Amino acid sequence: MKAGDTIINTTSVTAHRSSPALIDYSYIKGAITTFTRSLATNLTEKASGKCRSTTAGLDATYRIKFR
Protein backbone atom coordinates (compact mmCIF):
# COMPACT_ATOMS: atom_id res chain seq x y z
CA MET A 1 0.00 0.00 0.00
CA LYS A 2 1.33 3.39 -0.97
CA ALA A 3 1.12 6.50 1.23
CA GLY A 4 -2.23 8.22 0.74
CA ASP A 5 -4.07 5.12 -0.54
CA THR A 6 -7.49 4.31 0.90
CA ILE A 7 -9.22 1.01 1.64
CA ILE A 8 -13.02 1.12 1.76
CA ASN A 9 -15.00 -1.77 3.26
CA THR A 10 -18.75 -2.15 3.02
CA THR A 11 -20.63 -3.20 6.13
CA SER A 12 -24.23 -2.99 7.31
CA VAL A 13 -26.37 -1.56 10.08
CA THR A 14 -26.87 -5.18 11.22
CA ALA A 15 -23.27 -5.07 12.49
CA HIS A 16 -24.54 -2.66 15.17
CA ARG A 17 -28.17 -3.74 15.55
CA SER A 18 -28.83 -7.45 15.71
CA SER A 19 -31.45 -9.22 13.67
CA PRO A 20 -32.60 -12.71 14.74
CA ALA A 21 -33.28 -13.72 11.14
CA LEU A 22 -29.85 -12.61 9.91
CA ILE A 23 -27.40 -14.17 12.39
CA ASP A 24 -24.84 -15.28 9.80
CA TYR A 25 -25.00 -11.97 7.94
CA SER A 26 -24.75 -9.93 11.18
CA TYR A 27 -21.64 -11.64 12.49
CA ILE A 28 -19.81 -11.30 9.16
CA LYS A 29 -20.62 -7.59 8.96
CA GLY A 30 -19.56 -7.17 12.61
CA ALA A 31 -16.26 -8.85 11.79
CA ILE A 32 -15.72 -6.51 8.83
CA THR A 33 -16.43 -3.48 11.05
CA THR A 34 -13.93 -4.65 13.68
CA PHE A 35 -11.34 -5.50 11.03
CA THR A 36 -11.75 -2.03 9.50
CA ARG A 37 -11.23 -0.32 12.88
CA SER A 38 -8.11 -2.37 13.60
CA LEU A 39 -6.67 -1.81 10.13
CA ALA A 40 -7.39 1.93 10.32
CA THR A 41 -5.52 2.14 13.64
CA ASN A 42 -2.59 0.22 12.20
CA LEU A 43 -2.39 2.37 9.07
CA THR A 44 -2.68 5.59 11.08
CA GLU A 45 0.24 4.57 13.28
CA LYS A 46 2.35 3.91 10.18
CA ALA A 47 1.02 7.05 8.42
CA SER A 48 0.71 5.05 5.22
CA GLY A 49 -2.97 5.29 4.29
CA LYS A 50 -6.59 5.28 5.37
CA CYS A 51 -9.15 2.58 5.95
CA ARG A 52 -12.83 3.47 6.07
CA SER A 53 -16.10 1.62 6.04
CA THR A 54 -19.49 2.60 4.77
CA THR A 55 -22.56 1.31 6.56
CA ALA A 56 -25.66 0.80 4.50
CA GLY A 57 -29.06 0.79 6.12
CA LEU A 58 -31.36 -2.22 6.15
CA ASP A 59 -33.19 -2.55 2.88
CA ALA A 60 -36.48 -4.46 2.86
CA THR A 61 -35.57 -6.86 0.08
CA TYR A 62 -37.49 -9.94 -0.93
CA ARG A 63 -35.08 -12.15 1.06
CA ILE A 64 -35.60 -10.23 4.30
CA LYS A 65 -39.39 -9.76 3.97
CA PHE A 66 -40.20 -13.42 3.55
CA ARG A 67 -37.68 -15.08 5.84
PDB file of N, CA and C in Angstrom:
ATOM      1  N   MET A   1       0.846  -1.179   0.000  1.00  0.00           N
ATOM      2  CA  MET A   1       0.000   0.000   0.000  1.00  0.00           C
ATOM      3  C   MET A   1       0.882   1.230   0.000  1.00  0.00           C
ATOM      4  N   LYS A   2       0.566   2.157  -0.871  1.00  0.00           N
ATOM      5  CA  LYS A   2       1.334   3.393  -0.971  1.00  0.00           C
ATOM      6  C   LYS A   2       0.746   4.448  -0.030  1.00  0.00           C
ATOM      7  N   ALA A   3       1.585   5.399   0.371  1.00  0.00           N
ATOM      8  CA  ALA A   3       1.115   6.499   1.227  1.00  0.00           C
ATOM      9  C   ALA A   3      -0.026   7.232   0.527  1.00  0.00           C
ATOM     10  N   GLY A   4      -1.085   7.501   1.276  1.00  0.00           N
ATOM     11  CA  GLY A   4      -2.232   8.223   0.743  1.00  0.00           C
ATOM     12  C   GLY A   4      -3.316   7.336   0.148  1.00  0.00           C
ATOM     13  N   ASP A   5      -3.049   6.038  -0.025  1.00  0.00           N
ATOM     14  CA  ASP A   5      -4.070   5.122  -0.535  1.00  0.00           C
ATOM     15  C   ASP A   5      -5.185   4.935   0.498  1.00  0.00           C
ATOM     16  N   THR A   6      -6.349   4.523   0.032  1.00  0.00           N
ATOM     17  CA  THR A   6      -7.493   4.315   0.904  1.00  0.00           C
ATOM     18  C   THR A   6      -8.119   2.946   0.642  1.00  0.00           C
ATOM     19  N   ILE A   7      -8.461   2.252   1.723  1.00  0.00           N
ATOM     20  CA  ILE A   7      -9.216   1.009   1.644  1.00  0.00           C
ATOM     21  C   ILE A   7     -10.621   1.317   2.125  1.00  0.00           C
ATOM     22  N   ILE A   8     -11.627   0.893   1.367  1.00  0.00           N
ATOM     23  CA  ILE A   8     -13.022   1.117   1.763  1.00  0.00           C
ATOM     24  C   ILE A   8     -13.713  -0.242   1.860  1.00  0.00           C
ATOM     25  N   ASN A   9     -14.243  -0.542   3.027  1.00  0.00           N
ATOM     26  CA  ASN A   9     -14.999  -1.774   3.257  1.00  0.00           C
ATOM     27  C   ASN A   9     -16.479  -1.434   3.368  1.00  0.00           C
ATOM     28  N   THR A  10     -17.312  -2.335   2.923  1.00  0.00           N
ATOM     29  CA  THR A  10     -18.754  -2.148   3.023  1.00  0.00           C
ATOM     30  C   THR A  10     -19.297  -3.041   4.124  1.00  0.00           C
ATOM     31  N   THR A  11     -20.028  -2.452   5.028  1.00  0.00           N
ATOM     32  CA  THR A  11     -20.632  -3.199   6.130  1.00  0.00           C
ATOM     33  C   THR A  11     -22.127  -2.890   6.162  1.00  0.00           C
ATOM     34  N   SER A  12     -22.782  -3.159   7.252  1.00  0.00           N
ATOM     35  CA  SER A  12     -24.230  -2.989   7.314  1.00  0.00           C
ATOM     36  C   SER A  12     -24.651  -2.551   8.711  1.00  0.00           C
ATOM     37  N   VAL A  13     -25.820  -1.971   8.794  1.00  0.00           N
ATOM     38  CA  VAL A  13     -26.369  -1.562  10.083  1.00  0.00           C
ATOM     39  C   VAL A  13     -26.566  -2.780  10.987  1.00  0.00           C
ATOM     40  N   THR A  14     -26.702  -3.975  10.401  1.00  0.00           N
ATOM     41  CA  THR A  14     -26.873  -5.176  11.223  1.00  0.00           C
ATOM     42  C   THR A  14     -25.606  -5.520  12.007  1.00  0.00           C
ATOM     43  N   ALA A  15     -24.491  -4.896  11.688  1.00  0.00           N
ATOM     44  CA  ALA A  15     -23.274  -5.071  12.486  1.00  0.00           C
ATOM     45  C   ALA A  15     -23.433  -4.409  13.858  1.00  0.00           C
ATOM     46  N   HIS A  16     -24.321  -3.428  13.940  1.00  0.00           N
ATOM     47  CA  HIS A  16     -24.539  -2.663  15.169  1.00  0.00           C
ATOM     48  C   HIS A  16     -25.881  -2.969  15.834  1.00  0.00           C
ATOM     49  N   ARG A  17     -26.837  -3.420  15.044  1.00  0.00           N
ATOM     50  CA  ARG A  17     -28.172  -3.744  15.553  1.00  0.00           C
ATOM     51  C   ARG A  17     -28.504  -5.160  15.116  1.00  0.00           C
ATOM     52  N   SER A  18     -28.625  -6.036  16.050  1.00  0.00           N
ATOM     53  CA  SER A  18     -28.828  -7.446  15.709  1.00  0.00           C
ATOM     54  C   SER A  18     -30.184  -7.695  15.054  1.00  0.00           C
ATOM     55  N   SER A  19     -30.226  -8.790  14.318  1.00  0.00           N
ATOM     56  CA  SER A  19     -31.449  -9.224  13.673  1.00  0.00           C
ATOM     57  C   SER A  19     -31.529 -10.743  13.803  1.00  0.00           C
ATOM     58  N   PRO A  20     -32.510 -11.271  14.527  1.00  0.00           N
ATOM     59  CA  PRO A  20     -32.605 -12.713  14.740  1.00  0.00           C
ATOM     60  C   PRO A  20     -32.639 -13.539  13.450  1.00  0.00           C
ATOM     61  N   ALA A  21     -33.183 -12.985  12.402  1.00  0.00           N
ATOM     62  CA  ALA A  21     -33.284 -13.717  11.140  1.00  0.00           C
ATOM     63  C   ALA A  21     -31.998 -13.666  10.316  1.00  0.00           C
ATOM     64  N   LEU A  22     -31.065 -12.818  10.712  1.00  0.00           N
ATOM     65  CA  LEU A  22     -29.845 -12.614   9.909  1.00  0.00           C
ATOM     66  C   LEU A  22     -28.579 -12.856  10.723  1.00  0.00           C
ATOM     67  N   ILE A  23     -28.539 -13.916  11.508  1.00  0.00           N
ATOM     68  CA  ILE A  23     -27.399 -14.172  12.390  1.00  0.00           C
ATOM     69  C   ILE A  23     -26.095 -14.282  11.609  1.00  0.00           C
ATOM     70  N   ASP A  24     -26.066 -15.096  10.565  1.00  0.00           N
ATOM     71  CA  ASP A  24     -24.842 -15.284   9.796  1.00  0.00           C
ATOM     72  C   ASP A  24     -24.379 -13.984   9.145  1.00  0.00           C
ATOM     73  N   TYR A  25     -25.308 -13.236   8.589  1.00  0.00           N
ATOM     74  CA  TYR A  25     -25.002 -11.965   7.944  1.00  0.00           C
ATOM     75  C   TYR A  25     -24.490 -10.942   8.969  1.00  0.00           C
ATOM     76  N   SER A  26     -25.133 -10.890  10.137  1.00  0.00           N
ATOM     77  CA  SER A  26     -24.753  -9.930  11.178  1.00  0.00           C
ATOM     78  C   SER A  26     -23.342 -10.155  11.691  1.00  0.00           C
ATOM     79  N   TYR A  27     -22.975 -11.423  11.935  1.00  0.00           N
ATOM     80  CA  TYR A  27     -21.642 -11.639  12.493  1.00  0.00           C
ATOM     81  C   TYR A  27     -20.546 -11.363  11.462  1.00  0.00           C
ATOM     82  N   ILE A  28     -20.799 -11.621  10.190  1.00  0.00           N
ATOM     83  CA  ILE A  28     -19.808 -11.300   9.161  1.00  0.00           C
ATOM     84  C   ILE A  28     -19.623  -9.786   9.059  1.00  0.00           C
ATOM     85  N   LYS A  29     -20.710  -9.052   9.051  1.00  0.00           N
ATOM     86  CA  LYS A  29     -20.619  -7.591   8.961  1.00  0.00           C
ATOM     87  C   LYS A  29     -19.970  -6.999  10.214  1.00  0.00           C
ATOM     88  N   GLY A  30     -20.236  -7.606  11.384  1.00  0.00           N
ATOM     89  CA  GLY A  30     -19.562  -7.175  12.608  1.00  0.00           C
ATOM     90  C   GLY A  30     -18.069  -7.412  12.528  1.00  0.00           C
ATOM     91  N   ALA A  31     -17.679  -8.541  11.957  1.00  0.00           N
ATOM     92  CA  ALA A  31     -16.258  -8.851  11.791  1.00  0.00           C
ATOM     93  C   ALA A  31     -15.590  -7.859  10.841  1.00  0.00           C
ATOM     94  N   ILE A  32     -16.276  -7.490   9.766  1.00  0.00           N
ATOM     95  CA  ILE A  32     -15.721  -6.509   8.830  1.00  0.00           C
ATOM     96  C   ILE A  32     -15.553  -5.154   9.513  1.00  0.00           C
ATOM     97  N   THR A  33     -16.519  -4.755  10.327  1.00  0.00           N
ATOM     98  CA  THR A  33     -16.428  -3.481  11.052  1.00  0.00           C
ATOM     99  C   THR A  33     -15.237  -3.480  11.996  1.00  0.00           C
ATOM    100  N   THR A  34     -15.056  -4.550  12.746  1.00  0.00           N
ATOM    101  CA  THR A  34     -13.934  -4.649  13.682  1.00  0.00           C
ATOM    102  C   THR A  34     -12.605  -4.688  12.940  1.00  0.00           C
ATOM    103  N   PHE A  35     -12.542  -5.435  11.854  1.00  0.00           N
ATOM    104  CA  PHE A  35     -11.336  -5.495  11.030  1.00  0.00           C
ATOM    105  C   PHE A  35     -10.974  -4.108  10.508  1.00  0.00           C
ATOM    106  N   THR A  36     -11.979  -3.368  10.037  1.00  0.00           N
ATOM    107  CA  THR A  36     -11.746  -2.026   9.503  1.00  0.00           C
ATOM    108  C   THR A  36     -11.186  -1.100  10.574  1.00  0.00           C
ATOM    109  N   ARG A  37     -11.740  -1.150  11.774  1.00  0.00           N
ATOM    110  CA  ARG A  37     -11.232  -0.316  12.877  1.00  0.00           C
ATOM    111  C   ARG A  37      -9.781  -0.654  13.202  1.00  0.00           C
ATOM    112  N   SER A  38      -9.474  -1.944  13.281  1.00  0.00           N
ATOM    113  CA  SER A  38      -8.112  -2.373  13.599  1.00  0.00           C
ATOM    114  C   SER A  38      -7.132  -1.967  12.500  1.00  0.00           C
ATOM    115  N   LEU A  39      -7.530  -2.173  11.255  1.00  0.00           N
ATOM    116  CA  LEU A  39      -6.667  -1.809  10.134  1.00  0.00           C
ATOM    117  C   LEU A  39      -6.455  -0.305  10.066  1.00  0.00           C
ATOM    118  N   ALA A  40      -7.512   0.470  10.328  1.00  0.00           N
ATOM    119  CA  ALA A  40      -7.386   1.930  10.321  1.00  0.00           C
ATOM    120  C   ALA A  40      -6.396   2.394  11.381  1.00  0.00           C
ATOM    121  N   THR A  41      -6.465   1.794  12.570  1.00  0.00           N
ATOM    122  CA  THR A  41      -5.519   2.140  13.641  1.00  0.00           C
ATOM    123  C   THR A  41      -4.101   1.804  13.227  1.00  0.00           C
ATOM    124  N   ASN A  42      -3.910   0.647  12.646  1.00  0.00           N
ATOM    125  CA  ASN A  42      -2.586   0.217  12.202  1.00  0.00           C
ATOM    126  C   ASN A  42      -2.038   1.147  11.123  1.00  0.00           C
ATOM    127  N   LEU A  43      -2.842   1.503  10.152  1.00  0.00           N
ATOM    128  CA  LEU A  43      -2.387   2.374   9.071  1.00  0.00           C
ATOM    129  C   LEU A  43      -2.108   3.786   9.559  1.00  0.00           C
ATOM    130  N   THR A  44      -2.895   4.259  10.519  1.00  0.00           N
ATOM    131  CA  THR A  44      -2.684   5.591  11.076  1.00  0.00           C
ATOM    132  C   THR A  44      -1.350   5.654  11.805  1.00  0.00           C
ATOM    133  N   GLU A  45      -1.030   4.614  12.563  1.00  0.00           N
ATOM    134  CA  GLU A  45       0.242   4.572  13.283  1.00  0.00           C
ATOM    135  C   GLU A  45       1.418   4.583  12.322  1.00  0.00           C
ATOM    136  N   LYS A  46       1.271   3.963  11.169  1.00  0.00           N
ATOM    137  CA  LYS A  46       2.347   3.910  10.178  1.00  0.00           C
ATOM    138  C   LYS A  46       2.295   5.099   9.222  1.00  0.00           C
ATOM    139  N   ALA A  47       1.227   5.885   9.289  1.00  0.00           N
ATOM    140  CA  ALA A  47       1.019   7.051   8.417  1.00  0.00           C
ATOM    141  C   ALA A  47       1.120   6.669   6.938  1.00  0.00           C
ATOM    142  N   SER A  48       0.575   5.500   6.598  1.00  0.00           N
ATOM    143  CA  SER A  48       0.711   5.048   5.216  1.00  0.00           C
ATOM    144  C   SER A  48      -0.584   5.117   4.405  1.00  0.00           C
ATOM    145  N   GLY A  49      -1.714   5.247   5.049  1.00  0.00           N
ATOM    146  CA  GLY A  49      -2.966   5.292   4.294  1.00  0.00           C
ATOM    147  C   GLY A  49      -4.160   5.368   5.204  1.00  0.00           C
ATOM    148  N   LYS A  50      -5.343   5.207   4.608  1.00  0.00           N
ATOM    149  CA  LYS A  50      -6.588   5.282   5.370  1.00  0.00           C
ATOM    150  C   LYS A  50      -7.404   4.023   5.118  1.00  0.00           C
ATOM    151  N   CYS A  51      -8.201   3.684   6.091  1.00  0.00           N
ATOM    152  CA  CYS A  51      -9.148   2.583   5.952  1.00  0.00           C
ATOM    153  C   CYS A  51     -10.485   3.056   6.497  1.00  0.00           C
ATOM    154  N   ARG A  52     -11.496   3.003   5.681  1.00  0.00           N
ATOM    155  CA  ARG A  52     -12.825   3.473   6.067  1.00  0.00           C
ATOM    156  C   ARG A  52     -13.847   2.380   5.773  1.00  0.00           C
ATOM    157  N   SER A  53     -14.997   2.516   6.400  1.00  0.00           N
ATOM    158  CA  SER A  53     -16.099   1.624   6.043  1.00  0.00           C
ATOM    159  C   SER A  53     -17.344   2.459   5.835  1.00  0.00           C
ATOM    160  N   THR A  54     -18.200   1.961   4.992  1.00  0.00           N
ATOM    161  CA  THR A  54     -19.486   2.598   4.773  1.00  0.00           C
ATOM    162  C   THR A  54     -20.558   1.625   5.260  1.00  0.00           C
ATOM    163  N   THR A  55     -21.516   2.149   5.983  1.00  0.00           N
ATOM    164  CA  THR A  55     -22.556   1.308   6.561  1.00  0.00           C
ATOM    165  C   THR A  55     -23.889   1.613   5.897  1.00  0.00           C
ATOM    166  N   ALA A  56     -24.358   0.641   5.167  1.00  0.00           N
ATOM    167  CA  ALA A  56     -25.658   0.796   4.503  1.00  0.00           C
ATOM    168  C   ALA A  56     -26.783   0.471   5.477  1.00  0.00           C
ATOM    169  N   GLY A  57     -27.906   1.084   5.288  1.00  0.00           N
ATOM    170  CA  GLY A  57     -29.064   0.792   6.116  1.00  0.00           C
ATOM    171  C   GLY A  57     -29.735  -0.496   5.666  1.00  0.00           C
ATOM    172  N   LEU A  58     -30.642  -0.989   6.473  1.00  0.00           N
ATOM    173  CA  LEU A  58     -31.363  -2.216   6.149  1.00  0.00           C
ATOM    174  C   LEU A  58     -32.370  -1.930   5.048  1.00  0.00           C
ATOM    175  N   ASP A  59     -32.298  -2.702   4.015  1.00  0.00           N
ATOM    176  CA  ASP A  59     -33.194  -2.553   2.876  1.00  0.00           C
ATOM    177  C   ASP A  59     -34.192  -3.705   2.901  1.00  0.00           C
ATOM    178  N   ALA A  60     -35.452  -3.420   2.800  1.00  0.00           N
ATOM    179  CA  ALA A  60     -36.481  -4.461   2.859  1.00  0.00           C
ATOM    180  C   ALA A  60     -36.546  -5.199   1.525  1.00  0.00           C
ATOM    181  N   THR A  61     -35.605  -6.083   1.317  1.00  0.00           N
ATOM    182  CA  THR A  61     -35.565  -6.858   0.080  1.00  0.00           C
ATOM    183  C   THR A  61     -36.484  -8.069   0.190  1.00  0.00           C
ATOM    184  N   TYR A  62     -36.666  -8.740  -0.892  1.00  0.00           N
ATOM    185  CA  TYR A  62     -37.492  -9.939  -0.925  1.00  0.00           C
ATOM    186  C   TYR A  62     -36.989 -10.966   0.081  1.00  0.00           C
ATOM    187  N   ARG A  63     -35.671 -11.167   0.161  1.00  0.00           N
ATOM    188  CA  ARG A  63     -35.081 -12.155   1.059  1.00  0.00           C
ATOM    189  C   ARG A  63     -35.413 -11.841   2.524  1.00  0.00           C
ATOM    190  N   ILE A  64     -35.355 -10.608   2.908  1.00  0.00           N
ATOM    191  CA  ILE A  64     -35.598 -10.229   4.299  1.00  0.00           C
ATOM    192  C   ILE A  64     -37.101 -10.266   4.611  1.00  0.00           C
ATOM    193  N   LYS A  65     -37.945  -9.814   3.722  1.00  0.00           N
ATOM    194  CA  LYS A  65     -39.390  -9.758   3.970  1.00  0.00           C
ATOM    195  C   LYS A  65     -39.993 -11.132   4.232  1.00  0.00           C
ATOM    196  N   PHE A  66     -39.540 -12.125   3.506  1.00  0.00           N
ATOM    197  CA  PHE A  66     -40.196 -13.415   3.552  1.00  0.00           C
ATOM    198  C   PHE A  66     -39.387 -14.494   4.256  1.00  0.00           C
ATOM    199  N   ARG A  67     -38.483 -14.122   5.096  1.00  0.00           N
ATOM    200  CA  ARG A  67     -37.677 -15.078   5.837  1.00  0.00           C
ATOM    201  C   ARG A  67     -38.392 -15.560   7.039  1.00  0.00           C
TER     202      ARG A  67
END
